[in-house]
Amino acid sequence: LGLKFKISPFSFFQTNSLGAEVLYETA
């Protein structure tokens, strides 16, 4: 959604990136 995220091996991030966009847009 136009935001940048730095991800390391163990950092939490939604496992479905495109699905996360739907989730957060809906939210």
PDB file of all heavy atoms in Angstrom:
ATOM      1  N   LEU A   1       0.818  -1.216   0.000  1.00  0.00           N
ATOM      2  CA  LEU A   1       0.000   0.000   0.000  1.00  0.00           C
ATOM      3  C   LEU A   1       0.851   1.264   0.000  1.00  0.00           C
ATOM      4  O   LEU A   1       0.572   2.243   0.700  1.00  0.00           O
ATOM      5  CB  LEU A   1      -0.939   0.008   1.215  1.00  0.00           C
ATOM      6  CG  LEU A   1      -1.929  -1.166   1.303  1.00  0.00           C
ATOM      7  CD1 LEU A   1      -2.710  -1.123   2.608  1.00  0.00           C
ATOM      8  CD2 LEU A   1      -2.886  -1.151   0.107  1.00  0.00           C
ATOM      9  N   GLY A   2       1.941   1.234  -0.786  1.00  0.00           N
ATOM     10  CA  GLY A   2       2.793   2.414  -0.907  1.00  0.00           C
ATOM     11  C   GLY A   2       3.775   2.593   0.237  1.00  0.00           C
ATOM     12  O   GLY A   2       4.536   3.559   0.249  1.00  0.00           O
ATOM     13  N   LEU A   3       3.779   1.685   1.202  1.00  0.00           N
ATOM     14  CA  LEU A   3       4.710   1.757   2.326  1.00  0.00           C
ATOM     15  C   LEU A   3       5.817   0.718   2.149  1.00  0.00           C
ATOM     16  O   LEU A   3       5.601  -0.339   1.556  1.00  0.00           O
ATOM     17  CB  LEU A   3       3.988   1.503   3.650  1.00  0.00           C
ATOM     18  CG  LEU A   3       2.918   2.514   4.059  1.00  0.00           C
ATOM     19  CD1 LEU A   3       2.153   2.002   5.269  1.00  0.00           C
ATOM     20  CD2 LEU A   3       3.536   3.869   4.373  1.00  0.00           C
ATOM     21  N   LYS A   4       7.000   1.033   2.695  1.00  0.00           N
ATOM     22  CA  LYS A   4       8.147   0.151   2.573  1.00  0.00           C
ATOM     23  C   LYS A   4       8.424  -0.517   3.911  1.00  0.00           C
ATOM     24  O   LYS A   4       8.363   0.130   4.958  1.00  0.00           O
ATOM     25  CB  LYS A   4       9.367   0.975   2.147  1.00  0.00           C
ATOM     26  CG  LYS A   4      10.465   0.182   1.471  1.00  0.00           C
ATOM     27  CD  LYS A   4      11.505   1.140   0.883  1.00  0.00           C
ATOM     28  CE  LYS A   4      12.562   0.384   0.103  1.00  0.00           C
ATOM     29  NZ  LYS A   4      13.568   1.309  -0.463  1.00  0.00           N
ATOM     30  N   PHE A   5       8.747  -1.826   3.893  1.00  0.00           N
ATOM     31  CA  PHE A   5       9.002  -2.567   5.122  1.00  0.00           C
ATOM     32  C   PHE A   5      10.299  -3.365   5.006  1.00  0.00           C
ATOM     33  O   PHE A   5      10.506  -4.100   4.037  1.00  0.00           O
ATOM     34  CB  PHE A   5       7.841  -3.517   5.431  1.00  0.00           C
ATOM     35  CG  PHE A   5       6.548  -2.798   5.696  1.00  0.00           C
ATOM     36  CD1 PHE A   5       5.649  -2.566   4.665  1.00  0.00           C
ATOM     37  CD2 PHE A   5       6.254  -2.329   6.960  1.00  0.00           C
ATOM     38  CE1 PHE A   5       4.463  -1.893   4.902  1.00  0.00           C
ATOM     39  CE2 PHE A   5       5.065  -1.652   7.208  1.00  0.00           C
ATOM     40  CZ  PHE A   5       4.176  -1.433   6.186  1.00  0.00           C
ATOM     41  N   LYS A   6      11.146  -3.199   6.009  1.00  0.00           N
ATOM     42  CA  LYS A   6      12.390  -3.957   6.085  1.00  0.00           C
ATOM     43  C   LYS A   6      12.108  -5.251   6.850  1.00  0.00           C
ATOM     44  O   LYS A   6      11.612  -5.217   7.975  1.00  0.00           O
ATOM     45  CB  LYS A   6      13.459  -3.127   6.809  1.00  0.00           C
ATOM     46  CG  LYS A   6      14.828  -3.794   6.870  1.00  0.00           C
ATOM     47  CD  LYS A   6      15.821  -2.904   7.613  1.00  0.00           C
ATOM     48  CE  LYS A   6      17.192  -3.566   7.709  1.00  0.00           C
ATOM     49  NZ  LYS A   6      18.151  -2.716   8.454  1.00  0.00           N
ATOM     50  N   ILE A   7      12.424  -6.383   6.240  1.00  0.00           N
ATOM     51  CA  ILE A   7      12.086  -7.681   6.824  1.00  0.00           C
ATOM     52  C   ILE A   7      13.347  -8.502   7.034  1.00  0.00           C
ATOM     53  O   ILE A   7      14.150  -8.683   6.113  1.00  0.00           O
ATOM     54  CB  ILE A   7      11.098  -8.445   5.916  1.00  0.00           C
ATOM     55  CG1 ILE A   7       9.803  -7.641   5.754  1.00  0.00           C
ATOM     56  CG2 ILE A   7      10.796  -9.821   6.480  1.00  0.00           C
ATOM     57  CD1 ILE A   7       8.848  -8.205   4.736  1.00  0.00           C
ATOM     58  N   SER A   8      13.523  -8.995   8.257  1.00  0.00           N
ATOM     59  CA  SER A   8      14.649  -9.868   8.598  1.00  0.00           C
ATOM     60  C   SER A   8      14.124 -11.307   8.687  1.00  0.00           C
ATOM     61  O   SER A   8      12.918 -11.536   8.597  1.00  0.00           O
ATOM     62  CB  SER A   8      15.271  -9.427   9.926  1.00  0.00           C
ATOM     63  OG  SER A   8      14.342  -9.574  10.972  1.00  0.00           O
ATOM     64  N   PRO A   9      15.005 -12.297   8.866  1.00  0.00           N
ATOM     65  CA  PRO A   9      14.537 -13.697   8.853  1.00  0.00           C
ATOM     66  C   PRO A   9      13.422 -13.990   9.850  1.00  0.00           C
ATOM     67  O   PRO A   9      12.510 -14.757   9.570  1.00  0.00           O
ATOM     68  CB  PRO A   9      15.789 -14.497   9.206  1.00  0.00           C
ATOM     69  CG  PRO A   9      16.925 -13.626   8.889  1.00  0.00           C
ATOM     70  CD  PRO A   9      16.465 -12.224   9.042  1.00  0.00           C
ATOM     71  N   PHE A  10      13.480 -13.375  11.033  1.00  0.00           N
ATOM     72  CA  PHE A  10      12.553 -13.751  12.094  1.00  0.00           C
ATOM     73  C   PHE A  10      11.513 -12.680  12.410  1.00  0.00           C
ATOM     74  O   PHE A  10      10.742 -12.823  13.354  1.00  0.00           O
ATOM     75  CB  PHE A  10      13.339 -14.113  13.366  1.00  0.00           C
ATOM     76  CG  PHE A  10      14.372 -15.169  13.124  1.00  0.00           C
ATOM     77  CD1 PHE A  10      15.718 -14.852  13.072  1.00  0.00           C
ATOM     78  CD2 PHE A  10      14.003 -16.490  12.903  1.00  0.00           C
ATOM     79  CE1 PHE A  10      16.680 -15.826  12.820  1.00  0.00           C
ATOM     80  CE2 PHE A  10      14.945 -17.462  12.653  1.00  0.00           C
ATOM     81  CZ  PHE A  10      16.290 -17.139  12.613  1.00  0.00           C
ATOM     82  N   SER A  11      11.485 -11.588  11.645  1.00  0.00           N
ATOM     83  CA  SER A  11      10.501 -10.538  11.937  1.00  0.00           C
ATOM     84  C   SER A  11       9.117 -10.964  11.457  1.00  0.00           C
ATOM     85  O   SER A  11       8.980 -11.638  10.433  1.00  0.00           O
ATOM     86  CB  SER A  11      10.914  -9.213  11.293  1.00  0.00           C
ATOM     87  OG  SER A  11      11.039  -9.346   9.894  1.00  0.00           O
ATOM     88  N   PHE A  12       8.084 -10.555  12.235  1.00  0.00           N
ATOM     89  CA  PHE A  12       6.717 -10.928  11.860  1.00  0.00           C
ATOM     90  C   PHE A  12       6.263 -10.092  10.678  1.00  0.00           C
ATOM     91  O   PHE A  12       6.449  -8.884  10.636  1.00  0.00           O
ATOM     92  CB  PHE A  12       5.750 -10.712  13.028  1.00  0.00           C
ATOM     93  CG  PHE A  12       4.312 -10.924  12.615  1.00  0.00           C
ATOM     94  CD1 PHE A  12       3.800 -12.198  12.479  1.00  0.00           C
ATOM     95  CD2 PHE A  12       3.491  -9.849  12.303  1.00  0.00           C
ATOM     96  CE1 PHE A  12       2.491 -12.411  12.050  1.00  0.00           C
ATOM     97  CE2 PHE A  12       2.185 -10.041  11.882  1.00  0.00           C
ATOM     98  CZ  PHE A  12       1.683 -11.325  11.761  1.00  0.00           C
ATOM     99  N   PHE A  13       5.636 -10.754   9.720  1.00  0.00           N
ATOM    100  CA  PHE A  13       5.020 -10.064   8.583  1.00  0.00           C
ATOM    101  C   PHE A  13       3.949 -11.005   8.053  1.00  0.00           C
ATOM    102  O   PHE A  13       4.143 -12.223   8.038  1.00  0.00           O
ATOM    103  CB  PHE A  13       6.066  -9.770   7.503  1.00  0.00           C
ATOM    104  CG  PHE A  13       5.644  -8.709   6.521  1.00  0.00           C
ATOM    105  CD1 PHE A  13       5.671  -7.369   6.876  1.00  0.00           C
ATOM    106  CD2 PHE A  13       5.210  -9.053   5.254  1.00  0.00           C
ATOM    107  CE1 PHE A  13       5.274  -6.385   5.975  1.00  0.00           C
ATOM    108  CE2 PHE A  13       4.817  -8.078   4.345  1.00  0.00           C
ATOM    109  CZ  PHE A  13       4.856  -6.744   4.710  1.00  0.00           C
ATOM    110  N   GLN A  14       2.824 -10.457   7.622  1.00  0.00           N
ATOM    111  CA  GLN A  14       1.759 -11.304   7.091  1.00  0.00           C
ATOM    112  C   GLN A  14       2.298 -12.202   5.986  1.00  0.00           C
ATOM    113  O   GLN A  14       3.026 -11.730   5.104  1.00  0.00           O
ATOM    114  CB  GLN A  14       0.615 -10.443   6.554  1.00  0.00           C
ATOM    115  CG  GLN A  14      -0.198  -9.744   7.624  1.00  0.00           C
ATOM    116  CD  GLN A  14      -1.179 -10.679   8.332  1.00  0.00           C
ATOM    117  OE1 GLN A  14      -1.216 -11.871   8.063  1.00  0.00           O
ATOM    118  NE2 GLN A  14      -1.962 -10.130   9.244  1.00  0.00           N
ATOM    119  N   THR A  15       1.950 -13.496   6.011  1.00  0.00           N
ATOM    120  CA  THR A  15       2.547 -14.457   5.086  1.00  0.00           C
ATOM    121  C   THR A  15       1.963 -14.401   3.668  1.00  0.00           C
ATOM    122  O   THR A  15       2.484 -15.054   2.768  1.00  0.00           O
ATOM    123  CB  THR A  15       2.392 -15.897   5.616  1.00  0.00           C
ATOM    124  OG1 THR A  15       1.022 -16.120   5.940  1.00  0.00           O
ATOM    125  CG2 THR A  15       3.240 -16.109   6.851  1.00  0.00           C
ATOM    126  N   ASN A  16       0.905 -13.632   3.481  1.00  0.00           N
ATOM    127  CA  ASN A  16       0.306 -13.447   2.162  1.00  0.00           C
ATOM    128  C   ASN A  16       0.315 -11.945   1.876  1.00  0.00           C
ATOM    129  O   ASN A  16      -0.564 -11.214   2.311  1.00  0.00           O
ATOM    130  CB  ASN A  16      -1.122 -14.008   2.161  1.00  0.00           C
ATOM    131  CG  ASN A  16      -1.831 -13.874   0.820  1.00  0.00           C
ATOM    132  OD1 ASN A  16      -1.416 -13.116  -0.051  1.00  0.00           O
ATOM    133  ND2 ASN A  16      -2.930 -14.597   0.658  1.00  0.00           N
ATOM    134  N   SER A  17       1.326 -11.471   1.144  1.00  0.00           N
ATOM    135  CA  SER A  17       1.516 -10.030   0.944  1.00  0.00           C
ATOM    136  C   SER A  17       0.324  -9.383   0.230  1.00  0.00           C
ATOM    137  O   SER A  17      -0.167  -8.330   0.651  1.00  0.00           O
ATOM    138  CB  SER A  17       2.794  -9.755   0.151  1.00  0.00           C
ATOM    139  OG  SER A  17       3.928 -10.162   0.884  1.00  0.00           O
ATOM    140  N   LEU A  18      -0.125  -9.986  -0.859  1.00  0.00           N
ATOM    141  CA  LEU A  18      -1.240  -9.399  -1.613  1.00  0.00           C
ATOM    142  C   LEU A  18      -2.537  -9.503  -0.819  1.00  0.00           C
ATOM    143  O   LEU A  18      -3.381  -8.599  -0.861  1.00  0.00           O
ATOM    144  CB  LEU A  18      -1.382 -10.086  -2.975  1.00  0.00           C
ATOM    145  CG  LEU A  18      -0.166  -9.986  -3.900  1.00  0.00           C
ATOM    146  CD1 LEU A  18      -0.456 -10.650  -5.240  1.00  0.00           C
ATOM    147  CD2 LEU A  18       0.247  -8.533  -4.110  1.00  0.00           C
ATOM    148  N   GLY A  19      -2.701 -10.593  -0.069  1.00  0.00           N
ATOM    149  CA  GLY A  19      -3.866 -10.720   0.808  1.00  0.00           C
ATOM    150  C   GLY A  19      -3.824  -9.692   1.918  1.00  0.00           C
ATOM    151  O   GLY A  19      -4.856  -9.165   2.337  1.00  0.00           O
ATOM    152  N   ALA A  20      -2.604  -9.391   2.411  1.00  0.00           N
ATOM    153  CA  ALA A  20      -2.448  -8.378   3.460  1.00  0.00           C
ATOM    154  C   ALA A  20      -2.915  -7.011   2.965  1.00  0.00           C
ATOM    155  O   ALA A  20      -3.494  -6.230   3.733  1.00  0.00           O
ATOM    156  CB  ALA A  20      -1.006  -8.315   3.914  1.00  0.00           C
ATOM    157  N   GLU A  21      -2.666  -6.723   1.690  1.00  0.00           N
ATOM    158  CA  GLU A  21      -3.131  -5.445   1.136  1.00  0.00           C
ATOM    159  C   GLU A  21      -4.659  -5.366   1.173  1.00  0.00           C
ATOM    160  O   GLU A  21      -5.235  -4.325   1.521  1.00  0.00           O
ATOM    161  CB  GLU A  21      -2.629  -5.270  -0.298  1.00  0.00           C
ATOM    162  CG  GLU A  21      -1.157  -4.963  -0.366  1.00  0.00           C
ATOM    163  CD  GLU A  21      -0.709  -4.455  -1.725  1.00  0.00           C
ATOM    164  OE1 GLU A  21      -1.278  -4.902  -2.745  1.00  0.00           O
ATOM    165  OE2 GLU A  21       0.199  -3.622  -1.764  1.00  0.00           O
ATOM    166  N   VAL A  22      -5.315  -6.477   0.845  1.00  0.00           N
ATOM    167  CA  VAL A  22      -6.785  -6.520   0.925  1.00  0.00           C
ATOM    168  C   VAL A  22      -7.236  -6.339   2.369  1.00  0.00           C
ATOM    169  O   VAL A  22      -8.168  -5.572   2.658  1.00  0.00           O
ATOM    170  CB  VAL A  22      -7.325  -7.856   0.362  1.00  0.00           C
ATOM    171  CG1 VAL A  22      -8.842  -7.941   0.535  1.00  0.00           C
ATOM    172  CG2 VAL A  22      -6.941  -8.025  -1.102  1.00  0.00           C
ATOM    173  N   LEU A  23      -6.564  -7.030   3.292  1.00  0.00           N
ATOM    174  CA  LEU A  23      -6.897  -6.947   4.720  1.00  0.00           C
ATOM    175  C   LEU A  23      -6.777  -5.515   5.224  1.00  0.00           C
ATOM    176  O   LEU A  23      -7.703  -4.979   5.857  1.00  0.00           O
ATOM    177  CB  LEU A  23      -5.978  -7.870   5.523  1.00  0.00           C
ATOM    178  CG  LEU A  23      -6.185  -7.895   7.035  1.00  0.00           C
ATOM    179  CD1 LEU A  23      -7.443  -8.673   7.398  1.00  0.00           C
ATOM    180  CD2 LEU A  23      -4.975  -8.517   7.739  1.00  0.00           C
ATOM    181  N   TYR A  24      -5.647  -4.880   4.939  1.00  0.00           N
ATOM    182  CA  TYR A  24      -5.400  -3.545   5.476  1.00  0.00           C
ATOM    183  C   TYR A  24      -6.227  -2.469   4.768  1.00  0.00           C
ATOM    184  O   TYR A  24      -6.633  -1.485   5.392  1.00  0.00           O
ATOM    185  CB  TYR A  24      -3.908  -3.222   5.411  1.00  0.00           C
ATOM    186  CG  TYR A  24      -3.074  -4.136   6.283  1.00  0.00           C
ATOM    187  CD1 TYR A  24      -1.866  -4.665   5.844  1.00  0.00           C
ATOM    188  CD2 TYR A  24      -3.504  -4.504   7.557  1.00  0.00           C
ATOM    189  CE1 TYR A  24      -1.111  -5.512   6.641  1.00  0.00           C
ATOM    190  CE2 TYR A  24      -2.759  -5.354   8.363  1.00  0.00           C
ATOM    191  CZ  TYR A  24      -1.564  -5.852   7.905  1.00  0.00           C
ATOM    192  OH  TYR A  24      -0.826  -6.698   8.694  1.00  0.00           O
ATOM    193  N   GLU A  25      -6.480  -2.648   3.478  1.00  0.00           N
ATOM    194  CA  GLU A  25      -7.362  -1.700   2.770  1.00  0.00           C
ATOM    195  C   GLU A  25      -8.777  -1.767   3.345  1.00  0.00           C
ATOM    196  O   GLU A  25      -9.429  -0.743   3.547  1.00  0.00           O
ATOM    197  CB  GLU A  25      -7.391  -2.016   1.269  1.00  0.00           C
ATOM    198  CG  GLU A  25      -6.200  -1.471   0.515  1.00  0.00           C
ATOM    199  CD  GLU A  25      -6.262  -1.785  -0.976  1.00  0.00           C
ATOM    200  OE1 GLU A  25      -6.835  -2.847  -1.330  1.00  0.00           O
ATOM    201  OE2 GLU A  25      -5.757  -0.990  -1.775  1.00  0.00           O
ATOM    202  N   THR A  26      -9.236  -2.995   3.608  1.00  0.00           N
ATOM    203  CA  THR A  26     -10.569  -3.172   4.202  1.00  0.00           C
ATOM    204  C   THR A  26     -10.603  -2.576   5.603  1.00  0.00           C
ATOM    205  O   THR A  26     -11.566  -1.877   5.964  1.00  0.00           O
ATOM    206  CB  THR A  26     -10.937  -4.673   4.253  1.00  0.00           C
ATOM    207  OG1 THR A  26     -10.793  -5.244   2.952  1.00  0.00           O
ATOM    208  CG2 THR A  26     -12.367  -4.868   4.725  1.00  0.00           C
ATOM    209  N   ALA A  27      -9.547  -2.831   6.376  1.00  0.00           N
ATOM    210  CA  ALA A  27      -9.472  -2.278   7.731  1.00  0.00           C
ATOM    211  C   ALA A  27      -9.499  -0.758   7.698  1.00  0.00           C
ATOM    212  O   ALA A  27     -10.205  -0.116   8.483  1.00  0.00           O
ATOM    213  CB  ALA A  27      -8.201  -2.773   8.417  1.00  0.00           C
TER     214      ALA A  27
END
